[in-house]
């Protein structure tokens, strides 16, 4: 369960992300914002590779299984943004 403060942080991040156009091959704005979010949350490592993929790593305290979350940040153009 998220605290109210954390919930507001997640909402603010989502709002910031959707304000950037992220057409395939032009995800720089979203990638930069994601990297900054990872850094603000204290991730141990953050990287944006040459393809615009954003990697964030939080090292665990104990040996064991690893959890990988994968998502897409690219979108397709909207034919008529006025609609």
PDB file of N, CA and C in Angstrom:
ATOM      1  N   UNK A   1       0.839  -1.169   0.000  1.00  0.00           N
ATOM      2  CA  UNK A   1       0.000   0.000   0.000  1.00  0.00           C
ATOM      3  C   UNK A   1       0.891   1.241   0.000  1.00  0.00           C
ATOM      4  N   UNK A   2       0.574   2.184  -0.841  1.00  0.00           N
ATOM      5  CA  UNK A   2       1.332   3.424  -0.910  1.00  0.00           C
ATOM      6  C   UNK A   2       0.832   4.408   0.141  1.00  0.00           C
ATOM      7  N   UNK A   3       1.766   5.146   0.705  1.00  0.00           N
ATOM      8  CA  UNK A   3       1.350   6.254   1.562  1.00  0.00           C
ATOM      9  C   UNK A   3       0.747   7.329   0.661  1.00  0.00           C
ATOM     10  N   UNK A   4       0.012   8.237   1.242  1.00  0.00           N
ATOM     11  CA  UNK A   4      -0.585   9.322   0.461  1.00  0.00           C
ATOM     12  C   UNK A   4       0.505  10.141  -0.234  1.00  0.00           C
ATOM     13  N   UNK A   5       1.608  10.401   0.473  1.00  0.00           N
ATOM     14  CA  UNK A   5       2.711  11.167  -0.110  1.00  0.00           C
ATOM     15  C   UNK A   5       3.315  10.437  -1.308  1.00  0.00           C
ATOM     16  N   UNK A   6       3.548   9.137  -1.159  1.00  0.00           N
ATOM     17  CA  UNK A   6       4.140   8.359  -2.252  1.00  0.00           C
ATOM     18  C   UNK A   6       3.171   8.279  -3.427  1.00  0.00           C
ATOM     19  N   UNK A   7       1.900   8.136  -3.152  1.00  0.00           N
ATOM     20  CA  UNK A   7       0.893   8.107  -4.217  1.00  0.00           C
ATOM     21  C   UNK A   7       0.929   9.402  -5.023  1.00  0.00           C
ATOM     22  N   UNK A   8       1.049  10.536  -4.347  1.00  0.00           N
ATOM     23  CA  UNK A   8       1.122  11.821  -5.036  1.00  0.00           C
ATOM     24  C   UNK A   8       2.391  11.934  -5.877  1.00  0.00           C
ATOM     25  N   UNK A   9       3.502  11.361  -5.397  1.00  0.00           N
ATOM     26  CA  UNK A   9       4.742  11.355  -6.166  1.00  0.00           C
ATOM     27  C   UNK A   9       4.590  10.535  -7.446  1.00  0.00           C
ATOM     28  N   UNK A  10       3.941   9.383  -7.340  1.00  0.00           N
ATOM     29  CA  UNK A  10       3.721   8.529  -8.512  1.00  0.00           C
ATOM     30  C   UNK A  10       2.823   9.236  -9.522  1.00  0.00           C
ATOM     31  N   UNK A  11       1.774   9.871  -9.048  1.00  0.00           N
ATOM     32  CA  UNK A  11       0.867  10.610  -9.936  1.00  0.00           C
ATOM     33  C   UNK A  11       1.621  11.736 -10.634  1.00  0.00           C
ATOM     34  N   UNK A  12       2.431  12.488  -9.890  1.00  0.00           N
ATOM     35  CA  UNK A  12       3.196  13.599 -10.479  1.00  0.00           C
ATOM     36  C   UNK A  12       4.164  13.089 -11.543  1.00  0.00           C
ATOM     37  N   UNK A  13       4.811  11.953 -11.281  1.00  0.00           N
ATOM     38  CA  UNK A  13       5.725  11.384 -12.272  1.00  0.00           C
ATOM     39  C   UNK A  13       4.962  10.976 -13.532  1.00  0.00           C
ATOM     40  N   UNK A  14       3.846  10.319 -13.369  1.00  0.00           N
ATOM     41  CA  UNK A  14       3.051   9.914 -14.539  1.00  0.00           C
ATOM     42  C   UNK A  14       2.602  11.135 -15.340  1.00  0.00           C
ATOM     43  N   UNK A  15       2.188  12.180 -14.656  1.00  0.00           N
ATOM     44  CA  UNK A  15       1.782  13.406 -15.345  1.00  0.00           C
ATOM     45  C   UNK A  15       2.953  14.010 -16.113  1.00  0.00           C
ATOM     46  N   UNK A  16       4.131  14.014 -15.508  1.00  0.00           N
ATOM     47  CA  UNK A  16       5.310  14.562 -16.189  1.00  0.00           C
ATOM     48  C   UNK A  16       5.666  13.725 -17.415  1.00  0.00           C
ATOM     49  N   UNK A  17       5.544  12.411 -17.302  1.00  0.00           N
ATOM     50  CA  UNK A  17       5.914  11.536 -18.424  1.00  0.00           C
ATOM     51  C   UNK A  17       4.983  11.706 -19.613  1.00  0.00           C
ATOM     52  N   UNK A  18       3.685  11.826 -19.358  1.00  0.00           N
ATOM     53  CA  UNK A  18       2.757  11.919 -20.490  1.00  0.00           C
ATOM     54  C   UNK A  18       2.792  13.287 -21.165  1.00  0.00           C
ATOM     55  N   UNK A  19       3.468  14.256 -20.558  1.00  0.00           N
ATOM     56  CA  UNK A  19       3.605  15.570 -21.186  1.00  0.00           C
ATOM     57  C   UNK A  19       4.667  15.586 -22.277  1.00  0.00           C
ATOM     58  N   UNK A  20       5.480  14.534 -22.360  1.00  0.00           N
ATOM     59  CA  UNK A  20       6.525  14.445 -23.380  1.00  0.00           C
ATOM     60  C   UNK A  20       6.054  13.561 -24.527  1.00  0.00           C
ATOM     61  N   UNK A  21       6.215  14.035 -25.753  1.00  0.00           N
ATOM     62  CA  UNK A  21       5.996  13.152 -26.898  1.00  0.00           C
ATOM     63  C   UNK A  21       7.149  12.148 -26.901  1.00  0.00           C
ATOM     64  N   UNK A  22       6.820  10.911 -27.149  1.00  0.00           N
ATOM     65  CA  UNK A  22       7.867   9.885 -27.123  1.00  0.00           C
ATOM     66  C   UNK A  22       7.717   8.948 -28.315  1.00  0.00           C
ATOM     67  N   UNK A  23       7.599   9.546 -29.496  1.00  0.00           N
ATOM     68  CA  UNK A  23       7.474   8.738 -30.703  1.00  0.00           C
ATOM     69  C   UNK A  23       8.698   7.855 -30.849  1.00  0.00           C
ATOM     70  N   UNK A  24       8.503   6.692 -31.403  1.00  0.00           N
ATOM     71  CA  UNK A  24       9.580   5.716 -31.542  1.00  0.00           C
ATOM     72  C   UNK A  24      10.823   6.354 -32.161  1.00  0.00           C
ATOM     73  N   UNK A  25      11.947   6.205 -31.468  1.00  0.00           N
ATOM     74  CA  UNK A  25      13.201   6.801 -31.914  1.00  0.00           C
ATOM     75  C   UNK A  25      13.442   8.197 -31.373  1.00  0.00           C
ATOM     76  N   UNK A  26      12.442   8.770 -30.702  1.00  0.00           N
ATOM     77  CA  UNK A  26      12.545  10.137 -30.162  1.00  0.00           C
ATOM     78  C   UNK A  26      12.051  10.170 -28.715  1.00  0.00           C
ATOM     79  N   UNK A  27      12.544   9.244 -27.913  1.00  0.00           N
ATOM     80  CA  UNK A  27      12.091   9.121 -26.532  1.00  0.00           C
ATOM     81  C   UNK A  27      12.964   9.890 -25.543  1.00  0.00           C
ATOM     82  N   UNK A  28      13.820  10.788 -26.041  1.00  0.00           N
ATOM     83  CA  UNK A  28      14.808  11.453 -25.188  1.00  0.00           C
ATOM     84  C   UNK A  28      14.196  12.125 -23.953  1.00  0.00           C
ATOM     85  N   UNK A  29      13.116  12.865 -24.138  1.00  0.00           N
ATOM     86  CA  UNK A  29      12.509  13.589 -23.018  1.00  0.00           C
ATOM     87  C   UNK A  29      12.002  12.655 -21.940  1.00  0.00           C
ATOM     88  N   UNK A  30      11.315  11.606 -22.340  1.00  0.00           N
ATOM     89  CA  UNK A  30      10.786  10.640 -21.373  1.00  0.00           C
ATOM     90  C   UNK A  30      11.928   9.859 -20.732  1.00  0.00           C
ATOM     91  N   UNK A  31      12.901   9.464 -21.524  1.00  0.00           N
ATOM     92  CA  UNK A  31      14.040   8.705 -20.988  1.00  0.00           C
ATOM     93  C   UNK A  31      14.785   9.533 -19.942  1.00  0.00           C
ATOM     94  N   UNK A  32      15.017  10.792 -20.224  1.00  0.00           N
ATOM     95  CA  UNK A  32      15.696  11.660 -19.275  1.00  0.00           C
ATOM     96  C   UNK A  32      14.911  11.824 -17.987  1.00  0.00           C
ATOM     97  N   UNK A  33      13.598  11.955 -18.113  1.00  0.00           N
ATOM     98  CA  UNK A  33      12.751  12.109 -16.916  1.00  0.00           C
ATOM     99  C   UNK A  33      12.725  10.825 -16.103  1.00  0.00           C
ATOM    100  N   UNK A  34      12.675   9.678 -16.773  1.00  0.00           N
ATOM    101  CA  UNK A  34      12.713   8.402 -16.054  1.00  0.00           C
ATOM    102  C   UNK A  34      14.035   8.236 -15.317  1.00  0.00           C
ATOM    103  N   UNK A  35      15.129   8.563 -15.983  1.00  0.00           N
ATOM    104  CA  UNK A  35      16.444   8.458 -15.344  1.00  0.00           C
ATOM    105  C   UNK A  35      16.505   9.334 -14.098  1.00  0.00           C
ATOM    106  N   UNK A  36      15.999  10.548 -14.211  1.00  0.00           N
ATOM    107  CA  UNK A  36      15.984  11.457 -13.066  1.00  0.00           C
ATOM    108  C   UNK A  36      15.123  10.900 -11.933  1.00  0.00           C
ATOM    109  N   UNK A  37      13.989  10.290 -12.279  1.00  0.00           N
ATOM    110  CA  UNK A  37      13.119   9.690 -11.255  1.00  0.00           C
ATOM    111  C   UNK A  37      13.847   8.565 -10.528  1.00  0.00           C
ATOM    112  N   UNK A  38      14.569   7.735 -11.284  1.00  0.00           N
ATOM    113  CA  UNK A  38      15.333   6.652 -10.650  1.00  0.00           C
ATOM    114  C   UNK A  38      16.369   7.232  -9.692  1.00  0.00           C
ATOM    115  N   UNK A  39      17.053   8.264 -10.115  1.00  0.00           N
ATOM    116  CA  UNK A  39      18.079   8.897  -9.272  1.00  0.00           C
ATOM    117  C   UNK A  39      17.447   9.508  -8.022  1.00  0.00           C
ATOM    118  N   UNK A  40      16.302  10.160  -8.184  1.00  0.00           N
ATOM    119  CA  UNK A  40      15.612  10.772  -7.046  1.00  0.00           C
ATOM    120  C   UNK A  40      15.160   9.721  -6.038  1.00  0.00           C
ATOM    121  N   UNK A  41      14.850   8.521  -6.531  1.00  0.00           N
ATOM    122  CA  UNK A  41      14.398   7.441  -5.652  1.00  0.00           C
ATOM    123  C   UNK A  41      15.559   6.660  -5.040  1.00  0.00           C
ATOM    124  N   UNK A  42      16.788   7.031  -5.383  1.00  0.00           N
ATOM    125  CA  UNK A  42      17.941   6.400  -4.764  1.00  0.00           C
ATOM    126  C   UNK A  42      18.394   5.100  -5.392  1.00  0.00           C
ATOM    127  N   UNK A  43      18.064   4.885  -6.667  1.00  0.00           N
ATOM    128  CA  UNK A  43      18.548   3.681  -7.351  1.00  0.00           C
ATOM    129  C   UNK A  43      20.074   3.679  -7.319  1.00  0.00           C
ATOM    130  N   UNK A  44      20.660   2.500  -7.224  1.00  0.00           N
ATOM    131  CA  UNK A  44      22.114   2.385  -7.164  1.00  0.00           C
ATOM    132  C   UNK A  44      22.772   2.697  -8.507  1.00  0.00           C
ATOM    133  N   UNK A  45      22.105   2.354  -9.594  1.00  0.00           N
ATOM    134  CA  UNK A  45      22.641   2.611 -10.932  1.00  0.00           C
ATOM    135  C   UNK A  45      21.511   3.077 -11.838  1.00  0.00           C
ATOM    136  N   UNK A  46      21.803   4.029 -12.702  1.00  0.00           N
ATOM    137  CA  UNK A  46      20.847   4.464 -13.727  1.00  0.00           C
ATOM    138  C   UNK A  46      21.616   4.717 -15.016  1.00  0.00           C
ATOM    139  N   UNK A  47      21.042   4.283 -16.124  1.00  0.00           N
ATOM    140  CA  UNK A  47      21.700   4.412 -17.421  1.00  0.00           C
ATOM    141  C   UNK A  47      20.660   4.610 -18.507  1.00  0.00           C
ATOM    142  N   UNK A  48      20.991   5.410 -19.484  1.00  0.00           N
ATOM    143  CA  UNK A  48      20.217   5.473 -20.725  1.00  0.00           C
ATOM    144  C   UNK A  48      21.169   5.023 -21.818  1.00  0.00           C
ATOM    145  N   UNK A  49      20.821   3.945 -22.519  1.00  0.00           N
ATOM    146  CA  UNK A  49      21.729   3.428 -23.547  1.00  0.00           C
ATOM    147  C   UNK A  49      21.525   4.137 -24.882  1.00  0.00           C
ATOM    148  N   UNK A  50      22.282   3.734 -25.874  1.00  0.00           N
ATOM    149  CA  UNK A  50      22.253   4.367 -27.183  1.00  0.00           C
ATOM    150  C   UNK A  50      20.928   4.240 -27.918  1.00  0.00           C
ATOM    151  N   UNK A  51      20.091   3.315 -27.494  1.00  0.00           N
ATOM    152  CA  UNK A  51      18.779   3.134 -28.121  1.00  0.00           C
ATOM    153  C   UNK A  51      17.677   3.888 -27.372  1.00  0.00           C
ATOM    154  N   UNK A  52      18.037   4.535 -26.271  1.00  0.00           N
ATOM    155  CA  UNK A  52      17.046   5.257 -25.485  1.00  0.00           C
ATOM    156  C   UNK A  52      16.414   4.435 -24.387  1.00  0.00           C
ATOM    157  N   UNK A  53      16.916   3.202 -24.168  1.00  0.00           N
ATOM    158  CA  UNK A  53      16.406   2.374 -23.078  1.00  0.00           C
ATOM    159  C   UNK A  53      16.918   2.919 -21.750  1.00  0.00           C
ATOM    160  N   UNK A  54      16.049   2.939 -20.769  1.00  0.00           N
ATOM    161  CA  UNK A  54      16.409   3.419 -19.439  1.00  0.00           C
ATOM    162  C   UNK A  54      16.539   2.205 -18.522  1.00  0.00           C
ATOM    163  N   UNK A  55      17.684   2.126 -17.864  1.00  0.00           N
ATOM    164  CA  UNK A  55      17.955   1.016 -16.946  1.00  0.00           C
ATOM    165  C   UNK A  55      18.124   1.581 -15.553  1.00  0.00           C
ATOM    166  N   UNK A  56      17.445   1.001 -14.607  1.00  0.00           N
ATOM    167  CA  UNK A  56      17.626   1.368 -13.214  1.00  0.00           C
ATOM    168  C   UNK A  56      17.849   0.103 -12.407  1.00  0.00           C
ATOM    169  N   UNK A  57      18.770   0.168 -11.470  1.00  0.00           N
ATOM    170  CA  UNK A  57      19.074  -1.012 -10.662  1.00  0.00           C
ATOM    171  C   UNK A  57      19.105  -0.646  -9.185  1.00  0.00           C
ATOM    172  N   UNK A  58      18.411  -1.466  -8.408  1.00  0.00           N
ATOM    173  CA  UNK A  58      18.461  -1.379  -6.956  1.00  0.00           C
ATOM    174  C   UNK A  58      19.069  -2.697  -6.492  1.00  0.00           C
ATOM    175  N   UNK A  59      20.217  -2.618  -5.858  1.00  0.00           N
ATOM    176  CA  UNK A  59      20.872  -3.827  -5.368  1.00  0.00           C
ATOM    177  C   UNK A  59      20.145  -4.337  -4.125  1.00  0.00           C
ATOM    178  N   UNK A  60      19.892  -5.622  -4.107  1.00  0.00           N
ATOM    179  CA  UNK A  60      19.277  -6.223  -2.931  1.00  0.00           C
ATOM    180  C   UNK A  60      20.295  -6.431  -1.821  1.00  0.00           C
ATOM    181  N   UNK A  61      19.799  -6.752  -0.669  1.00  0.00           N
ATOM    182  CA  UNK A  61      20.667  -6.972   0.483  1.00  0.00           C
ATOM    183  C   UNK A  61      21.081  -8.434   0.631  1.00  0.00           C
ATOM    184  N   UNK A  62      20.322  -9.325   0.036  1.00  0.00           N
ATOM    185  CA  UNK A  62      20.585 -10.742   0.204  1.00  0.00           C
ATOM    186  C   UNK A  62      20.665 -11.419  -1.142  1.00  0.00           C
ATOM    187  N   UNK A  63      21.370 -12.534  -1.234  1.00  0.00           N
ATOM    188  CA  UNK A  63      21.393 -13.288  -2.491  1.00  0.00           C
ATOM    189  C   UNK A  63      20.016 -13.884  -2.761  1.00  0.00           C
ATOM    190  N   UNK A  64      19.756 -14.125  -4.002  1.00  0.00           N
ATOM    191  CA  UNK A  64      18.465 -14.732  -4.339  1.00  0.00           C
ATOM    192  C   UNK A  64      18.003 -14.309  -5.709  1.00  0.00           C
ATOM    193  N   UNK A  65      16.744 -14.499  -5.936  1.00  0.00           N
ATOM    194  CA  UNK A  65      16.157 -14.204  -7.239  1.00  0.00           C
ATOM    195  C   UNK A  65      16.175 -12.712  -7.523  1.00  0.00           C
ATOM    196  N   UNK A  66      16.138 -12.396  -8.811  1.00  0.00           N
ATOM    197  CA  UNK A  66      16.147 -11.018  -9.286  1.00  0.00           C
ATOM    198  C   UNK A  66      14.806 -10.739  -9.951  1.00  0.00           C
ATOM    199  N   UNK A  67      14.292  -9.562  -9.743  1.00  0.00           N
ATOM    200  CA  UNK A  67      13.040  -9.136 -10.360  1.00  0.00           C
ATOM    201  C   UNK A  67      13.349  -8.115 -11.446  1.00  0.00           C
ATOM    202  N   UNK A  68      12.832  -8.343 -12.635  1.00  0.00           N
ATOM    203  CA  UNK A  68      13.015  -7.426 -13.757  1.00  0.00           C
ATOM    204  C   UNK A  68      11.650  -6.910 -14.182  1.00  0.00           C
ATOM    205  N   UNK A  69      11.516  -5.591 -14.226  1.00  0.00           N
ATOM    206  CA  UNK A  69      10.302  -4.963 -14.743  1.00  0.00           C
ATOM    207  C   UNK A  69      10.640  -4.348 -16.084  1.00  0.00           C
ATOM    208  N   UNK A  70       9.824  -4.599 -17.076  1.00  0.00           N
ATOM    209  CA  UNK A  70      10.091  -4.135 -18.429  1.00  0.00           C
ATOM    210  C   UNK A  70       8.856  -3.414 -18.949  1.00  0.00           C
ATOM    211  N   UNK A  71       9.076  -2.251 -19.525  1.00  0.00           N
ATOM    212  CA  UNK A  71       7.962  -1.501 -20.094  1.00  0.00           C
ATOM    213  C   UNK A  71       8.424  -0.724 -21.307  1.00  0.00           C
ATOM    214  N   UNK A  72       7.496  -0.146 -22.009  1.00  0.00           N
ATOM    215  CA  UNK A  72       7.809   0.627 -23.209  1.00  0.00           C
ATOM    216  C   UNK A  72       7.505   2.093 -22.961  1.00  0.00           C
ATOM    217  N   UNK A  73       8.373   2.962 -23.495  1.00  0.00           N
ATOM    218  CA  UNK A  73       8.147   4.401 -23.344  1.00  0.00           C
ATOM    219  C   UNK A  73       7.894   5.069 -24.691  1.00  0.00           C
ATOM    220  N   UNK A  74       7.935   4.283 -25.774  1.00  0.00           N
ATOM    221  CA  UNK A  74       7.673   4.886 -27.079  1.00  0.00           C
ATOM    222  C   UNK A  74       6.182   4.825 -27.382  1.00  0.00           C
ATOM    223  N   UNK A  75       5.730   5.801 -28.153  1.00  0.00           N
ATOM    224  CA  UNK A  75       4.337   5.877 -28.564  1.00  0.00           C
ATOM    225  C   UNK A  75       4.279   6.080 -30.073  1.00  0.00           C
ATOM    226  N   UNK A  76       3.092   6.039 -30.616  1.00  0.00           N
ATOM    227  CA  UNK A  76       2.905   6.301 -32.041  1.00  0.00           C
ATOM    228  C   UNK A  76       2.234   7.665 -32.192  1.00  0.00           C
ATOM    229  N   UNK A  77       2.498   8.355 -33.302  1.00  0.00           N
ATOM    230  CA  UNK A  77       1.879   9.672 -33.501  1.00  0.00           C
ATOM    231  C   UNK A  77       0.351   9.601 -33.536  1.00  0.00           C
ATOM    232  N   UNK A  78      -0.275  10.646 -33.040  1.00  0.00           N
ATOM    233  CA  UNK A  78      -1.716  10.777 -33.095  1.00  0.00           C
ATOM    234  C   UNK A  78      -2.053  11.531 -34.374  1.00  0.00           C
ATOM    235  N   UNK A  79      -2.916  10.970 -35.247  1.00  0.00           N
ATOM    236  CA  UNK A  79      -3.197  11.634 -36.518  1.00  0.00           C
ATOM    237  C   UNK A  79      -3.739  13.055 -36.394  1.00  0.00           C
ATOM    238  N   UNK A  80      -4.662  13.288 -35.443  1.00  0.00           N
ATOM    239  CA  UNK A  80      -5.241  14.614 -35.277  1.00  0.00           C
ATOM    240  C   UNK A  80      -5.277  14.929 -33.787  1.00  0.00           C
ATOM    241  N   UNK A  81      -4.284  15.672 -33.302  1.00  0.00           N
ATOM    242  CA  UNK A  81      -4.185  15.949 -31.860  1.00  0.00           C
ATOM    243  C   UNK A  81      -5.345  16.813 -31.346  1.00  0.00           C
ATOM    244  N   UNK A  82      -6.033  17.516 -32.228  1.00  0.00           N
ATOM    245  CA  UNK A  82      -7.148  18.349 -31.773  1.00  0.00           C
ATOM    246  C   UNK A  82      -8.332  17.508 -31.294  1.00  0.00           C
ATOM    247  N   UNK A  83      -8.392  16.264 -31.709  1.00  0.00           N
ATOM    248  CA  UNK A  83      -9.471  15.377 -31.294  1.00  0.00           C
ATOM    249  C   UNK A  83      -9.114  14.702 -29.993  1.00  0.00           C
TER     250      UNK A  83
END
